[in-house]
């Protein structure tokens, strides 16, 4: 009968424990991919005149199917004026907000030829265009990556006409 050395016993016990701890740590740090959210995102659809509706349809048609790695999801109302990406969802709404008074000390951001007014509201940031004839709003959860906004600029510039924001400057 051969004696098992203490080092060998320790190794036999440590390897499975280390594997379990490693897999658990990998899982807790988000290492296992999850299925992309595909459910419908709740949205509102405001009434629009025909010219606004046509511009919003053109914008939504030009939006990518994936936004910074976030896949497009169906919306509950106004698919011709709303689009949603990812989970938690980033939601773009076209023509649903009126002209807003921008505070004089507001921090405006010009990103890829679109001027945005970001407004933090709890666990989300609401971005509103200030230089487009038809107002656009993008609601972004705090957890979302900021790369998404630049990806929206090209379709916005191509479809929603520019308007002079007046005394507001980006």
C-alpha atoms as a PDB file:
ATOM      1  CA  UNK A   1       0.000   0.000   0.000  1.00  0.00           C
ATOM      2  CA  UNK A   2       1.452   3.368  -0.962  1.00  0.00           C
ATOM      3  CA  UNK A   3       1.018   6.374   1.225  1.00  0.00           C
ATOM      4  CA  UNK A   4      -0.515   9.492  -0.286  1.00  0.00           C
ATOM      5  CA  UNK A   5       1.562  12.538   0.418  1.00  0.00           C
ATOM      6  CA  UNK A   6      -0.018  15.551   2.138  1.00  0.00           C
ATOM      7  CA  UNK A   7       0.830  17.697  -0.897  1.00  0.00           C
ATOM      8  CA  UNK A   8      -1.084  15.366  -3.194  1.00  0.00           C
ATOM      9  CA  UNK A   9      -4.120  15.348  -0.871  1.00  0.00           C
ATOM     10  CA  UNK A  10      -4.050  19.156  -0.732  1.00  0.00           C
ATOM     11  CA  UNK A  11      -3.888  19.356  -4.538  1.00  0.00           C
ATOM     12  CA  UNK A  12      -6.764  16.899  -4.979  1.00  0.00           C
ATOM     13  CA  UNK A  13      -8.899  18.999  -2.620  1.00  0.00           C
ATOM     14  CA  UNK A  14      -7.802  22.415  -3.908  1.00  0.00           C
ATOM     15  CA  UNK A  15      -8.313  21.909  -7.654  1.00  0.00           C
ATOM     16  CA  UNK A  16     -12.122  21.393  -7.552  1.00  0.00           C
ATOM     17  CA  UNK A  17     -12.524  24.222  -5.029  1.00  0.00           C
ATOM     18  CA  UNK A  18     -10.458  26.561  -7.216  1.00  0.00           C
ATOM     19  CA  UNK A  19     -12.502  25.621 -10.293  1.00  0.00           C
ATOM     20  CA  UNK A  20     -15.808  26.314  -8.514  1.00  0.00           C
ATOM     21  CA  UNK A  21     -14.541  29.639  -7.154  1.00  0.00           C
ATOM     22  CA  UNK A  22     -13.212  30.634 -10.590  1.00  0.00           C
ATOM     23  CA  UNK A  23     -16.477  29.823 -12.391  1.00  0.00           C
ATOM     24  CA  UNK A  24     -18.473  31.637  -9.713  1.00  0.00           C
ATOM     25  CA  UNK A  25     -16.255  34.747  -9.969  1.00  0.00           C
ATOM     26  CA  UNK A  26     -16.487  34.679 -13.773  1.00  0.00           C
ATOM     27  CA  UNK A  27     -20.288  34.481 -13.582  1.00  0.00           C
ATOM     28  CA  UNK A  28     -20.584  37.275 -10.987  1.00  0.00           C
ATOM     29  CA  UNK A  29     -18.430  39.572 -13.109  1.00  0.00           C
ATOM     30  CA  UNK A  30     -20.775  39.084 -16.081  1.00  0.00           C
ATOM     31  CA  UNK A  31     -18.590  36.614 -17.945  1.00  0.00           C
ATOM     32  CA  UNK A  32     -21.397  34.408 -19.209  1.00  0.00           C
ATOM     33  CA  UNK A  33     -23.345  36.009 -22.038  1.00  0.00           C
ATOM     34  CA  UNK A  34     -27.067  36.373 -21.589  1.00  0.00           C
ATOM     35  CA  UNK A  35     -29.661  36.357 -24.307  1.00  0.00           C
ATOM     36  CA  UNK A  36     -30.378  39.781 -25.742  1.00  0.00           C
ATOM     37  CA  UNK A  37     -33.640  41.305 -24.529  1.00  0.00           C
ATOM     38  CA  UNK A  38     -36.312  41.025 -27.208  1.00  0.00           C
ATOM     39  CA  UNK A  39     -39.467  42.131 -25.395  1.00  0.00           C
ATOM     40  CA  UNK A  40     -41.488  45.173 -26.328  1.00  0.00           C
ATOM     41  CA  UNK A  41     -40.374  48.492 -24.813  1.00  0.00           C
ATOM     42  CA  UNK A  42     -43.144  50.761 -23.525  1.00  0.00           C
ATOM     43  CA  UNK A  43     -43.347  54.008 -25.486  1.00  0.00           C
ATOM     44  CA  UNK A  44     -45.877  56.778 -26.058  1.00  0.00           C
ATOM     45  CA  UNK A  45     -46.947  58.026 -29.456  1.00  0.00           C
ATOM     46  CA  UNK A  46     -47.930  61.667 -29.773  1.00  0.00           C
ATOM     47  CA  UNK A  47     -50.090  62.895 -32.627  1.00  0.00           C
ATOM     48  CA  UNK A  48     -48.053  64.451 -35.440  1.00  0.00           C
ATOM     49  CA  UNK A  49     -48.853  66.390 -38.573  1.00  0.00           C
ATOM     50  CA  UNK A  50     -48.058  64.661 -41.882  1.00  0.00           C
ATOM     51  CA  UNK A  51     -44.753  66.497 -42.490  1.00  0.00           C
ATOM     52  CA  UNK A  52     -43.458  65.610 -39.012  1.00  0.00           C
ATOM     53  CA  UNK A  53     -44.642  62.016 -39.374  1.00  0.00           C
ATOM     54  CA  UNK A  54     -42.870  61.676 -42.738  1.00  0.00           C
ATOM     55  CA  UNK A  55     -39.595  62.966 -41.293  1.00  0.00           C
ATOM     56  CA  UNK A  56     -39.861  60.684 -38.251  1.00  0.00           C
ATOM     57  CA  UNK A  57     -40.585  57.653 -40.475  1.00  0.00           C
ATOM     58  CA  UNK A  58     -37.503  58.484 -42.552  1.00  0.00           C
ATOM     59  CA  UNK A  59     -35.372  58.777 -39.407  1.00  0.00           C
ATOM     60  CA  UNK A  60     -36.602  55.519 -37.870  1.00  0.00           C
ATOM     61  CA  UNK A  61     -36.060  53.719 -41.197  1.00  0.00           C
ATOM     62  CA  UNK A  62     -32.399  54.860 -41.237  1.00  0.00           C
ATOM     63  CA  UNK A  63     -31.612  53.805 -37.677  1.00  0.00           C
ATOM     64  CA  UNK A  64     -29.265  50.844 -37.322  1.00  0.00           C
ATOM     65  CA  UNK A  65     -30.425  47.429 -36.111  1.00  0.00           C
ATOM     66  CA  UNK A  66     -27.687  47.532 -33.494  1.00  0.00           C
ATOM     67  CA  UNK A  67     -26.531  50.557 -31.547  1.00  0.00           C
ATOM     68  CA  UNK A  68     -23.101  50.170 -29.977  1.00  0.00           C
ATOM     69  CA  UNK A  69     -23.734  46.438 -29.551  1.00  0.00           C
ATOM     70  CA  UNK A  70     -27.295  46.959 -28.273  1.00  0.00           C
ATOM     71  CA  UNK A  71     -29.877  45.276 -30.483  1.00  0.00           C
ATOM     72  CA  UNK A  72     -33.041  47.001 -31.629  1.00  0.00           C
ATOM     73  CA  UNK A  73     -36.256  46.066 -29.828  1.00  0.00           C
ATOM     74  CA  UNK A  74     -39.926  46.512 -30.714  1.00  0.00           C
ATOM     75  CA  UNK A  75     -41.829  49.440 -29.190  1.00  0.00           C
ATOM     76  CA  UNK A  76     -45.375  49.416 -27.785  1.00  0.00           C
ATOM     77  CA  UNK A  77     -46.605  52.525 -29.607  1.00  0.00           C
ATOM     78  CA  UNK A  78     -45.510  54.700 -32.493  1.00  0.00           C
ATOM     79  CA  UNK A  79     -43.008  52.443 -34.291  1.00  0.00           C
ATOM     80  CA  UNK A  80     -42.850  55.140 -36.987  1.00  0.00           C
ATOM     81  CA  UNK A  81     -41.544  57.681 -34.451  1.00  0.00           C
ATOM     82  CA  UNK A  82     -39.911  55.621 -31.673  1.00  0.00           C
ATOM     83  CA  UNK A  83     -37.027  53.170 -31.513  1.00  0.00           C
ATOM     84  CA  UNK A  84     -35.501  51.233 -28.635  1.00  0.00           C
ATOM     85  CA  UNK A  85     -32.158  49.491 -28.199  1.00  0.00           C
ATOM     86  CA  UNK A  86     -30.775  47.174 -25.523  1.00  0.00           C
ATOM     87  CA  UNK A  87     -31.766  46.311 -21.985  1.00  0.00           C
ATOM     88  CA  UNK A  88     -32.338  48.496 -20.090  1.00  0.00           C
ATOM     89  CA  UNK A  89     -33.594  50.220 -23.209  1.00  0.00           C
ATOM     90  CA  UNK A  90     -32.225  53.366 -24.809  1.00  0.00           C
ATOM     91  CA  UNK A  91     -35.325  54.990 -26.356  1.00  0.00           C
ATOM     92  CA  UNK A  92     -35.355  57.537 -29.180  1.00  0.00           C
ATOM     93  CA  UNK A  93     -38.573  59.522 -29.682  1.00  0.00           C
ATOM     94  CA  UNK A  94     -39.119  61.739 -32.715  1.00  0.00           C
ATOM     95  CA  UNK A  95     -41.530  64.665 -32.713  1.00  0.00           C
ATOM     96  CA  UNK A  96     -42.894  63.921 -29.263  1.00  0.00           C
ATOM     97  CA  UNK A  97     -41.475  66.837 -27.326  1.00  0.00           C
ATOM     98  CA  UNK A  98     -42.136  70.494 -27.927  1.00  0.00           C
ATOM     99  CA  UNK A  99     -39.519  73.195 -27.946  1.00  0.00           C
ATOM    100  CA  UNK A 100     -38.115  73.405 -24.444  1.00  0.00           C
ATOM    101  CA  UNK A 101     -36.671  76.378 -22.697  1.00  0.00           C
ATOM    102  CA  UNK A 102     -32.997  75.588 -22.244  1.00  0.00           C
ATOM    103  CA  UNK A 103     -31.472  77.129 -19.104  1.00  0.00           C
ATOM    104  CA  UNK A 104     -28.920  79.854 -19.864  1.00  0.00           C
ATOM    105  CA  UNK A 105     -26.225  77.970 -17.945  1.00  0.00           C
ATOM    106  CA  UNK A 106     -27.031  74.606 -19.550  1.00  0.00           C
ATOM    107  CA  UNK A 107     -24.154  72.425 -20.695  1.00  0.00           C
ATOM    108  CA  UNK A 108     -24.851  71.671 -24.365  1.00  0.00           C
ATOM    109  CA  UNK A 109     -22.899  69.093 -26.308  1.00  0.00           C
ATOM    110  CA  UNK A 110     -22.288  69.155 -30.034  1.00  0.00           C
ATOM    111  CA  UNK A 111     -21.735  65.565 -31.141  1.00  0.00           C
ATOM    112  CA  UNK A 112     -21.253  64.726 -34.818  1.00  0.00           C
ATOM    113  CA  UNK A 113     -23.198  67.762 -36.060  1.00  0.00           C
ATOM    114  CA  UNK A 114     -26.110  67.452 -33.622  1.00  0.00           C
ATOM    115  CA  UNK A 115     -26.521  69.776 -30.633  1.00  0.00           C
ATOM    116  CA  UNK A 116     -27.810  68.003 -27.510  1.00  0.00           C
ATOM    117  CA  UNK A 117     -29.090  69.180 -24.147  1.00  0.00           C
ATOM    118  CA  UNK A 118     -28.476  66.413 -21.582  1.00  0.00           C
ATOM    119  CA  UNK A 119     -30.621  66.433 -18.468  1.00  0.00           C
ATOM    120  CA  UNK A 120     -29.986  63.928 -15.680  1.00  0.00           C
ATOM    121  CA  UNK A 121     -33.164  62.557 -14.133  1.00  0.00           C
ATOM    122  CA  UNK A 122     -32.543  60.013 -11.418  1.00  0.00           C
ATOM    123  CA  UNK A 123     -31.313  56.806 -13.003  1.00  0.00           C
ATOM    124  CA  UNK A 124     -31.428  58.090 -16.585  1.00  0.00           C
ATOM    125  CA  UNK A 125     -30.244  60.938 -18.776  1.00  0.00           C
ATOM    126  CA  UNK A 126     -32.677  62.588 -21.179  1.00  0.00           C
ATOM    127  CA  UNK A 127     -30.965  64.050 -24.249  1.00  0.00           C
ATOM    128  CA  UNK A 128     -32.957  66.557 -26.306  1.00  0.00           C
ATOM    129  CA  UNK A 129     -31.897  68.083 -29.611  1.00  0.00           C
ATOM    130  CA  UNK A 130     -31.808  71.866 -29.751  1.00  0.00           C
ATOM    131  CA  UNK A 131     -30.884  72.355 -33.415  1.00  0.00           C
ATOM    132  CA  UNK A 132     -33.447  70.258 -35.309  1.00  0.00           C
ATOM    133  CA  UNK A 133     -36.752  71.417 -36.838  1.00  0.00           C
ATOM    134  CA  UNK A 134     -38.425  68.394 -35.278  1.00  0.00           C
ATOM    135  CA  UNK A 135     -37.473  67.825 -31.648  1.00  0.00           C
ATOM    136  CA  UNK A 136     -35.896  64.504 -30.741  1.00  0.00           C
ATOM    137  CA  UNK A 137     -35.474  62.965 -27.322  1.00  0.00           C
ATOM    138  CA  UNK A 138     -33.243  60.057 -26.354  1.00  0.00           C
ATOM    139  CA  UNK A 139     -33.660  58.529 -22.895  1.00  0.00           C
ATOM    140  CA  UNK A 140     -30.570  56.679 -21.731  1.00  0.00           C
ATOM    141  CA  UNK A 141     -30.381  54.569 -18.576  1.00  0.00           C
ATOM    142  CA  UNK A 142     -27.437  55.366 -16.301  1.00  0.00           C
ATOM    143  CA  UNK A 143     -25.987  51.890 -16.954  1.00  0.00           C
ATOM    144  CA  UNK A 144     -25.723  52.401 -20.727  1.00  0.00           C
ATOM    145  CA  UNK A 145     -22.501  53.142 -22.571  1.00  0.00           C
ATOM    146  CA  UNK A 146     -22.255  56.635 -24.054  1.00  0.00           C
ATOM    147  CA  UNK A 147     -21.110  55.471 -27.519  1.00  0.00           C
ATOM    148  CA  UNK A 148     -24.713  55.131 -28.662  1.00  0.00           C
ATOM    149  CA  UNK A 149     -25.324  58.859 -29.191  1.00  0.00           C
ATOM    150  CA  UNK A 150     -22.674  59.283 -31.861  1.00  0.00           C
ATOM    151  CA  UNK A 151     -24.202  56.331 -33.746  1.00  0.00           C
ATOM    152  CA  UNK A 152     -27.529  58.185 -33.896  1.00  0.00           C
ATOM    153  CA  UNK A 153     -26.072  61.388 -35.320  1.00  0.00           C
ATOM    154  CA  UNK A 154     -25.667  60.324 -38.964  1.00  0.00           C
ATOM    155  CA  UNK A 155     -29.311  59.238 -39.404  1.00  0.00           C
ATOM    156  CA  UNK A 156     -30.487  62.392 -37.602  1.00  0.00           C
ATOM    157  CA  UNK A 157     -28.379  64.712 -39.766  1.00  0.00           C
ATOM    158  CA  UNK A 158     -29.523  62.890 -42.921  1.00  0.00           C
ATOM    159  CA  UNK A 159     -33.253  63.065 -42.169  1.00  0.00           C
ATOM    160  CA  UNK A 160     -34.158  65.789 -39.655  1.00  0.00           C
ATOM    161  CA  UNK A 161     -33.547  69.315 -40.965  1.00  0.00           C
ATOM    162  CA  UNK A 162     -31.308  71.687 -39.050  1.00  0.00           C
ATOM    163  CA  UNK A 163     -32.746  74.803 -37.472  1.00  0.00           C
ATOM    164  CA  UNK A 164     -30.868  77.704 -35.945  1.00  0.00           C
ATOM    165  CA  UNK A 165     -31.063  77.284 -32.161  1.00  0.00           C
ATOM    166  CA  UNK A 166     -30.974  81.054 -31.711  1.00  0.00           C
ATOM    167  CA  UNK A 167     -29.111  82.275 -28.665  1.00  0.00           C
ATOM    168  CA  UNK A 168     -28.333  78.723 -27.605  1.00  0.00           C
ATOM    169  CA  UNK A 169     -24.887  77.660 -28.790  1.00  0.00           C
ATOM    170  CA  UNK A 170     -23.261  74.243 -28.821  1.00  0.00           C
END
